C-alpha atoms as a PDB file:
ATOM      1  CA  MET A   1       0.120  -0.114   0.280  1.00  0.00           C
ATOM      2  CA  SER A   2       1.297   3.109  -0.876  1.00  0.00           C
ATOM      3  CA  THR A   3       1.854   6.278   1.532  1.00  0.00           C
ATOM      4  CA  ILE A   4       0.564   9.910   0.747  1.00  0.00           C
ATOM      5  CA  PRO A   5       1.126  12.827   3.198  1.00  0.00           C
ATOM      6  CA  ALA A   6      -1.941  12.813   4.294  1.00  0.00           C
ATOM      7  CA  ASP A   7      -1.907   9.698   6.051  1.00  0.00           C
ATOM      8  CA  LEU A   8       0.878  10.664   8.146  1.00  0.00           C
ATOM      9  CA  HIS A   9      -1.546  13.782   9.440  1.00  0.00           C
ATOM     10  CA  ASN A  10      -3.083  12.022  12.518  1.00  0.00           C
ATOM     11  CA  LEU A  11       0.258   9.982  13.583  1.00  0.00           C
ATOM     12  CA  ARG A  12       3.410  10.540  15.880  1.00  0.00           C
ATOM     13  CA  ILE A  13       6.283  10.157  14.369  1.00  0.00           C
ATOM     14  CA  ASP A  14       6.999   7.160  16.941  1.00  0.00           C
ATOM     15  CA  GLU A  15       3.821   5.428  15.258  1.00  0.00           C
ATOM     16  CA  LEU A  16       4.972   5.476  11.546  1.00  0.00           C
ATOM     17  CA  ASN A  17       5.832   2.209  10.602  1.00  0.00           C
ATOM     18  CA  GLU A  18       9.207   1.459   8.069  1.00  0.00           C
ATOM     19  CA  GLN A  19       7.739   2.501   4.834  1.00  0.00           C
ATOM     20  CA  GLN A  20       5.859   5.701   6.085  1.00  0.00           C
ATOM     21  CA  MET A  21       9.633   6.268   7.361  1.00  0.00           C
ATOM     22  CA  ILE A  22      10.941   5.769   4.548  1.00  0.00           C
ATOM     23  CA  PHE A  23       8.577   8.061   2.527  1.00  0.00           C
ATOM     24  CA  VAL A  24       9.460  11.037   5.152  1.00  0.00           C
ATOM     25  CA  HIS A  25      13.520  10.595   4.569  1.00  0.00           C
ATOM     26  CA  ILE A  26      12.992  10.422   0.913  1.00  0.00           C
ATOM     27  CA  GLN A  27      11.124  13.144   0.218  1.00  0.00           C
ATOM     28  CA  SER A  28      13.471  16.014  -2.155  1.00  0.00           C
ATOM     29  CA  THR A  29      10.882  18.754  -1.673  1.00  0.00           C
ATOM     30  CA  ALA A  30      10.976  21.546   0.325  1.00  0.00           C
ATOM     31  CA  THR A  31       7.341  20.990   1.508  1.00  0.00           C
ATOM     32  CA  PRO A  32       7.752  19.344   5.540  1.00  0.00           C
ATOM     33  CA  ILE A  33       5.671  16.525   6.270  1.00  0.00           C
ATOM     34  CA  ILE A  34       2.861  17.577   8.583  1.00  0.00           C
ATOM     35  CA  LEU A  35       2.186  14.990  11.439  1.00  0.00           C
ATOM     36  CA  LYS A  36       0.358  14.811  14.597  1.00  0.00           C
ATOM     37  CA  ASN A  37       2.543  16.527  16.547  1.00  0.00           C
ATOM     38  CA  SER A  38       5.129  17.810  15.019  1.00  0.00           C
ATOM     39  CA  ILE A  39       6.704  19.037  11.536  1.00  0.00           C
ATOM     40  CA  ALA A  40       9.240  16.823   9.771  1.00  0.00           C
ATOM     41  CA  ARG A  41      11.850  17.318   7.526  1.00  0.00           C
ATOM     42  CA  SER A  42      14.827  14.548   6.271  1.00  0.00           C
ATOM     43  CA  THR A  43      18.227  16.127   5.890  1.00  0.00           C
ATOM     44  CA  LEU A  44      17.941  14.544   2.290  1.00  0.00           C
ATOM     45  CA  SER A  45      15.405  17.160   1.378  1.00  0.00           C
ATOM     46  CA  PHE A  46      17.345  20.017   2.769  1.00  0.00           C
ATOM     47  CA  ILE A  47      20.482  18.957   0.862  1.00  0.00           C
ATOM     48  CA  CYS A  48      18.376  18.535  -1.933  1.00  0.00           C
ATOM     49  CA  GLU A  49      16.889  22.082  -1.614  1.00  0.00           C
ATOM     50  CA  ASN A  50      20.590  23.178  -1.143  1.00  0.00           C
ATOM     51  CA  VAL A  51      21.825  21.701  -4.282  1.00  0.00           C
ATOM     52  CA  ASN A  52      19.194  23.630  -6.416  1.00  0.00           C
ATOM     53  CA  HIS A  53      20.089  26.481  -4.970  1.00  0.00           C
ATOM     54  CA  GLY A  54      23.761  26.467  -4.982  1.00  0.00           C
ATOM     55  CA  LEU A  55      23.439  25.393  -9.024  1.00  0.00           C
ATOM     56  CA  ALA A  56      21.474  28.430  -9.646  1.00  0.00           C
ATOM     57  CA  PHE A  57      25.024  30.713  -9.059  1.00  0.00           C
ATOM     58  CA  ASP A  58      27.841  30.871 -10.690  1.00  0.00           C
ATOM     59  CA  LYS A  59      29.876  31.575  -7.368  1.00  0.00           C
ATOM     60  CA  ALA A  60      28.471  28.644  -5.249  1.00  0.00           C
ATOM     61  CA  LYS A  61      28.053  25.731  -8.456  1.00  0.00           C
ATOM     62  CA  SER A  62      31.811  24.731  -8.777  1.00  0.00           C
ATOM     63  CA  LEU A  63      32.179  22.753  -5.311  1.00  0.00           C
ATOM     64  CA  MET A  64      29.176  22.649  -2.374  1.00  0.00           C
ATOM     65  CA  PRO A  65      26.632  21.349  -4.975  1.00  0.00           C
ATOM     66  CA  ILE A  66      28.826  19.008  -6.521  1.00  0.00           C
ATOM     67  CA  ILE A  67      29.680  17.362  -3.263  1.00  0.00           C
ATOM     68  CA  SER A  68      26.156  17.371  -2.147  1.00  0.00           C
ATOM     69  CA  LEU A  69      25.232  15.547  -4.944  1.00  0.00           C
ATOM     70  CA  CYS A  70      27.524  12.714  -4.064  1.00  0.00           C
ATOM     71  CA  SER A  71      26.354  12.526  -0.697  1.00  0.00           C
ATOM     72  CA  ILE A  72      22.876  12.064  -1.794  1.00  0.00           C
ATOM     73  CA  LEU A  73      23.780   9.155  -3.773  1.00  0.00           C
ATOM     74  CA  ASP A  74      25.684   8.058  -0.574  1.00  0.00           C
ATOM     75  CA  GLN A  75      23.516   8.280   1.678  1.00  0.00           C
ATOM     76  CA  LEU A  76      20.789   6.019  -0.300  1.00  0.00           C
ATOM     77  CA  GLY A  77      23.068   3.432  -0.872  1.00  0.00           C
ATOM     78  CA  ILE A  78      23.611   3.380   3.218  1.00  0.00           C
ATOM     79  CA  CYS A  79      20.503   3.441   4.069  1.00  0.00           C
ATOM     80  CA  TYR A  80      18.484   0.950   1.563  1.00  0.00           C
ATOM     81  CA  ASN A  81      18.529  -2.071  -0.096  1.00  0.00           C
ATOM     82  CA  ARG A  82      16.294  -3.415  -2.869  1.00  0.00           C
ATOM     83  CA  ASN A  83      14.249  -6.638  -2.086  1.00  0.00           C
ATOM     84  CA  ASP A  84      13.610  -7.201  -5.434  1.00  0.00           C
ATOM     85  CA  LEU A  85      17.175  -7.494  -6.110  1.00  0.00           C
ATOM     86  CA  GLU A  86      20.561  -9.529  -5.498  1.00  0.00           C
ATOM     87  CA  GLN A  87      22.470  -6.949  -3.213  1.00  0.00           C
ATOM     88  CA  PRO A  88      25.159  -5.504  -5.431  1.00  0.00           C
ATOM     89  CA  ARG A  89      29.157  -6.731  -4.352  1.00  0.00           C
ATOM     90  CA  PHE A  90      29.468  -3.146  -3.328  1.00  0.00           C
ATOM     91  CA  GLN A  91      30.080  -1.997   0.324  1.00  0.00           C
ATOM     92  CA  ASN A  92      30.248   1.841  -0.525  1.00  0.00           C
ATOM     93  CA  GLY A  93      27.201   3.632  -0.644  1.00  0.00           C
ATOM     94  CA  ILE A  94      27.638   5.766  -3.740  1.00  0.00           C
ATOM     95  CA  LYS A  95      28.408   2.649  -5.574  1.00  0.00           C
ATOM     96  CA  ARG A  96      25.311   0.593  -4.331  1.00  0.00           C
ATOM     97  CA  CYS A  97      23.083   3.586  -5.013  1.00  0.00           C
ATOM     98  CA  LEU A  98      24.300   3.927  -8.577  1.00  0.00           C
ATOM     99  CA  CYS A  99      23.728   0.052  -9.029  1.00  0.00           C
ATOM    100  CA  TYR A 100      20.260  -0.167  -7.063  1.00  0.00           C
ATOM    101  CA  PHE A 101      18.612   3.230  -8.075  1.00  0.00           C
ATOM    102  CA  GLY A 102      20.505   4.355 -11.275  1.00  0.00           C
ATOM    103  CA  GLU A 103      20.206   0.581 -12.039  1.00  0.00           C
ATOM    104  CA  PHE A 104      24.165   0.721 -14.156  1.00  0.00           C
ATOM    105  CA  ASP A 105      25.646  -2.675 -14.134  1.00  0.00           C
ATOM    106  CA  GLU A 106      28.072  -3.192 -11.737  1.00  0.00           C
ATOM    107  CA  GLU A 107      31.036  -3.360 -14.237  1.00  0.00           C
ATOM    108  CA  ASP A 108      29.923   0.159 -15.549  1.00  0.00           C
ATOM    109  CA  PRO A 109      33.140   2.874 -15.549  1.00  0.00           C
ATOM    110  CA  ILE A 110      30.664   5.397 -14.695  1.00  0.00           C
ATOM    111  CA  ILE A 111      30.693   3.637 -11.220  1.00  0.00           C
ATOM    112  CA  ASP A 112      34.796   4.312 -10.961  1.00  0.00           C
ATOM    113  CA  VAL A 113      34.501   7.385 -12.145  1.00  0.00           C
ATOM    114  CA  LEU A 114      31.767   9.136 -10.035  1.00  0.00           C
ATOM    115  CA  TYR A 115      33.148   7.228  -6.389  1.00  0.00           C
ATOM    116  CA  ALA A 116      36.343   9.011  -7.515  1.00  0.00           C
ATOM    117  CA  LEU A 117      35.205  12.726  -8.318  1.00  0.00           C
ATOM    118  CA  ARG A 118      33.492  12.244  -4.943  1.00  0.00           C
ATOM    119  CA  ASN A 119      37.020  10.817  -3.265  1.00  0.00           C
ATOM    120  CA  GLY A 120      38.805  13.966  -4.508  1.00  0.00           C
ATOM    121  CA  LEU A 121      36.278  16.708  -3.734  1.00  0.00           C
ATOM    122  CA  ALA A 122      35.358  15.649  -0.489  1.00  0.00           C
ATOM    123  CA  HIS A 123      38.477  14.328   1.166  1.00  0.00           C
ATOM    124  CA  ASN A 124      40.945  17.388   0.250  1.00  0.00           C
ATOM    125  CA  VAL A 125      38.738  19.369  -2.251  1.00  0.00           C
ATOM    126  CA  SER A 126      40.526  18.180  -4.939  1.00  0.00           C
ATOM    127  CA  LEU A 127      40.220  17.826  -9.065  1.00  0.00           C
ATOM    128  CA  THR A 128      42.543  14.796  -9.211  1.00  0.00           C
ATOM    129  CA  SER A 129      41.908  11.502  -7.824  1.00  0.00           C
ATOM    130  CA  PHE A 130      43.693   8.062  -7.201  1.00  0.00           C
ATOM    131  CA  ASP A 131      41.619   5.208  -6.774  1.00  0.00           C
ATOM    132  CA  LYS A 132      44.462   2.876  -5.018  1.00  0.00           C
ATOM    133  CA  TYR A 133      41.964  -0.467  -5.363  1.00  0.00           C
ATOM    134  CA  LYS A 134      42.414  -0.093  -9.178  1.00  0.00           C
ATOM    135  CA  ASN A 135      45.514   2.087  -9.467  1.00  0.00           C
ATOM    136  CA  LYS A 136      43.654   4.605 -11.513  1.00  0.00           C
ATOM    137  CA  TYR A 137      44.087   8.355 -12.021  1.00  0.00           C
ATOM    138  CA  TYR A 138      42.066  11.050 -12.684  1.00  0.00           C
ATOM    139  CA  HIS A 139      42.032  14.409 -13.715  1.00  0.00           C
ATOM    140  CA  PHE A 140      38.551  16.033 -13.738  1.00  0.00           C
ATOM    141  CA  ARG A 141      36.861  19.230 -15.099  1.00  0.00           C
ATOM    142  CA  TYR A 142      33.251  20.252 -15.685  1.00  0.00           C
ATOM    143  CA  ASP A 143      31.713  20.520 -19.168  1.00  0.00           C
ATOM    144  CA  ASN A 144      28.465  21.188 -19.906  1.00  0.00           C
ATOM    145  CA  GLN A 145      28.734  20.582 -23.589  1.00  0.00           C
ATOM    146  CA  ILE A 146      29.452  16.818 -23.615  1.00  0.00           C
ATOM    147  CA  GLU A 147      26.475  14.836 -24.101  1.00  0.00           C
ATOM    148  CA  GLU A 148      26.568  11.973 -21.448  1.00  0.00           C
ATOM    149  CA  ILE A 149      27.500  12.543 -17.674  1.00  0.00           C
ATOM    150  CA  TYR A 150      31.343  11.882 -17.892  1.00  0.00           C
ATOM    151  CA  GLN A 151      33.753  12.001 -21.045  1.00  0.00           C
ATOM    152  CA  PRO A 152      36.481   9.554 -20.184  1.00  0.00           C
ATOM    153  CA  ALA A 153      40.016  11.144 -20.965  1.00  0.00           C
ATOM    154  CA  GLU A 154      41.501  10.676 -24.716  1.00  0.00           C
ATOM    155  CA  ILE A 155      44.871   8.902 -22.850  1.00  0.00           C
ATOM    156  CA  GLU A 156      44.453   7.765 -19.652  1.00  0.00           C
ATOM    157  CA  TRP A 157      46.659   9.730 -16.951  1.00  0.00           C
ATOM    158  CA  ASP A 158      48.995   8.267 -15.135  1.00  0.00           C
ATOM    159  CA  GLY A 159      49.422  10.001 -12.035  1.00  0.00           C
ATOM    160  CA  ASP A 160      52.472  12.203 -12.679  1.00  0.00           C
ATOM    161  CA  TYR A 161      52.215  15.897 -12.712  1.00  0.00           C
ATOM    162  CA  ASN A 162      54.595  16.168 -15.071  1.00  0.00           C
ATOM    163  CA  THR A 163      52.888  14.512 -17.641  1.00  0.00           C
ATOM    164  CA  LEU A 164      50.266  17.205 -17.183  1.00  0.00           C
ATOM    165  CA  ASP A 165      52.273  19.674 -18.891  1.00  0.00           C
ATOM    166  CA  ASN A 166      52.213  17.879 -21.890  1.00  0.00           C
ATOM    167  CA  GLY A 167      48.905  19.263 -23.044  1.00  0.00           C
ATOM    168  CA  ARG A 168      46.683  18.347 -20.083  1.00  0.00           C
ATOM    169  CA  GLU A 169      43.361  18.235 -21.875  1.00  0.00           C
ATOM    170  CA  LYS A 170      43.796  15.109 -23.239  1.00  0.00           C
ATOM    171  CA  PHE A 171      44.458  13.324 -19.891  1.00  0.00           C
ATOM    172  CA  THR A 172      41.190  15.173 -18.097  1.00  0.00           C
ATOM    173  CA  THR A 173      37.741  13.218 -17.861  1.00  0.00           C
ATOM    174  CA  ARG A 174      34.995  15.365 -17.871  1.00  0.00           C
ATOM    175  CA  ILE A 175      32.161  15.534 -15.959  1.00  0.00           C
ATOM    176  CA  ASN A 176      28.393  17.300 -17.063  1.00  0.00           C
ATOM    177  CA  ILE A 177      27.054  18.572 -13.975  1.00  0.00           C
ATOM    178  CA  GLU A 178      23.405  19.095 -15.369  1.00  0.00           C
ATOM    179  CA  LYS A 179      23.334  15.259 -16.132  1.00  0.00           C
ATOM    180  CA  PHE A 180      25.078  14.427 -12.682  1.00  0.00           C
ATOM    181  CA  ARG A 181      22.189  16.321 -11.393  1.00  0.00           C
ATOM    182  CA  SER A 182      19.578  14.463 -13.434  1.00  0.00           C
ATOM    183  CA  LEU A 183      21.281  11.415 -12.636  1.00  0.00           C
ATOM    184  CA  VAL A 184      21.029  12.011  -8.814  1.00  0.00           C
ATOM    185  CA  PHE A 185      17.667  13.404  -8.778  1.00  0.00           C
ATOM    186  CA  ASN A 186      16.097  10.288 -11.149  1.00  0.00           C
ATOM    187  CA  CYS A 187      17.729   7.856  -8.350  1.00  0.00           C
ATOM    188  CA  VAL A 188      16.215   9.880  -5.695  1.00  0.00           C
ATOM    189  CA  TYR A 189      12.724   9.656  -7.493  1.00  0.00           C
ATOM    190  CA  LYS A 190      13.459   5.835  -8.240  1.00  0.00           C
ATOM    191  CA  ALA A 191      14.014   5.392  -4.400  1.00  0.00           C
ATOM    192  CA  GLU A 192      10.497   6.896  -3.668  1.00  0.00           C
ATOM    193  CA  LYS A 193       8.816   5.102  -6.425  1.00  0.00           C
ATOM    194  CA  LEU A 194       9.761   1.410  -5.027  1.00  0.00           C
ATOM    195  CA  ASN A 195       9.093   2.474  -1.308  1.00  0.00           C
ATOM    196  CA  GLN A 196       5.628   3.105  -2.583  1.00  0.00           C
ATOM    197  CA  GLU A 197       5.778  -0.212  -4.325  1.00  0.00           C
ATOM    198  CA  ASN A 198       7.262  -2.146  -0.841  1.00  0.00           C
ATOM    199  CA  LYS A 199      10.211  -2.919  -2.762  1.00  0.00           C
ATOM    200  CA  LEU A 200      12.628  -0.785  -0.369  1.00  0.00           C
ATOM    201  CA  GLU A 201      14.121  -1.895   2.671  1.00  0.00           C
ATOM    202  CA  LEU A 202      16.232  -0.405   5.442  1.00  0.00           C
ATOM    203  CA  ARG A 203      20.094  -1.849   5.305  1.00  0.00           C
ATOM    204  CA  PHE A 204      21.063  -0.867   8.781  1.00  0.00           C
ATOM    205  CA  ASP A 205      20.585  -2.699  12.131  1.00  0.00           C
ATOM    206  CA  GLY A 206      19.175   0.520  13.970  1.00  0.00           C
ATOM    207  CA  GLY A 207      15.872   0.173  12.166  1.00  0.00           C
ATOM    208  CA  THR A 208      13.116   3.108  12.007  1.00  0.00           C
ATOM    209  CA  LYS A 209      14.904   4.875  15.013  1.00  0.00           C
ATOM    210  CA  GLN A 210      18.229   4.993  13.377  1.00  0.00           C
ATOM    211  CA  LEU A 211      16.794   6.425   9.949  1.00  0.00           C
ATOM    212  CA  PHE A 212      15.114   8.723  12.139  1.00  0.00           C
ATOM    213  CA  PHE A 213      18.068  10.054  14.460  1.00  0.00           C
ATOM    214  CA  ASP A 214      20.242  10.291  11.775  1.00  0.00           C
ATOM    215  CA  TYR A 215      18.498  11.836   9.247  1.00  0.00           C
ATOM    216  CA  ILE A 216      14.995  13.275  10.081  1.00  0.00           C
ATOM    217  CA  ARG A 217      14.638  16.890  11.905  1.00  0.00           C
ATOM    218  CA  THR A 218      11.341  17.576  13.462  1.00  0.00           C
ATOM    219  CA  ILE A 219       9.918  20.652  15.295  1.00  0.00           C
ATOM    220  CA  SER A 220       6.988  20.358  17.483  1.00  0.00           C
ATOM    221  CA  LYS A 221       3.813  22.143  16.592  1.00  0.00           C
ATOM    222  CA  THR A 222       3.778  24.202  19.581  1.00  0.00           C
ATOM    223  CA  LYS A 223       6.930  26.053  18.595  1.00  0.00           C
ATOM    224  CA  VAL A 224       5.743  27.293  15.573  1.00  0.00           C
ATOM    225  CA  GLN A 225       2.452  28.348  16.359  1.00  0.00           C
END
């Protein structure tokens, strides 16, 4: 049975079942969920709102929105399993999300590319990244003119910075941020749809309580009156 916001109006947060709690978590809009005694929003809804806001401004769109897009993938992959598919071999949240909700094959190179992009940006705010497991080096640039989410480097970079002096363009992996954003939000929408079809389940041991305390913020109705 699917969930709609009106179903939750007469329930307290501790009365929500798993599907209803997931429904609260994976809302991507800024509209809060009205419960019996409180108003609820998830960290996922805040970060989706921040991505849309950040990408609208030239001074903000090059860094934090991209890190946030990676964090959305990470959170979905950490939180959920699909009960209609075998689990992917990955433990990493981003890779799991791309398999589950992006529905990429486990061997698709995009999984390693976006994981490497996230590592470079999140670990030291860098547009270079080294995948130590596959011994691969990446030098990234944004390019919304390319036709796909990413365009691989013409020549694989060997990690030597002297190599980049010889025309770094041919060693550069390009990322189309607009298409990346579309991919991430489509993953959120896919998760929402799967939850309505009862094909989504929590992955961690703490169940709905962990989902609530980790990712959902509530404000008492009495405080906003």
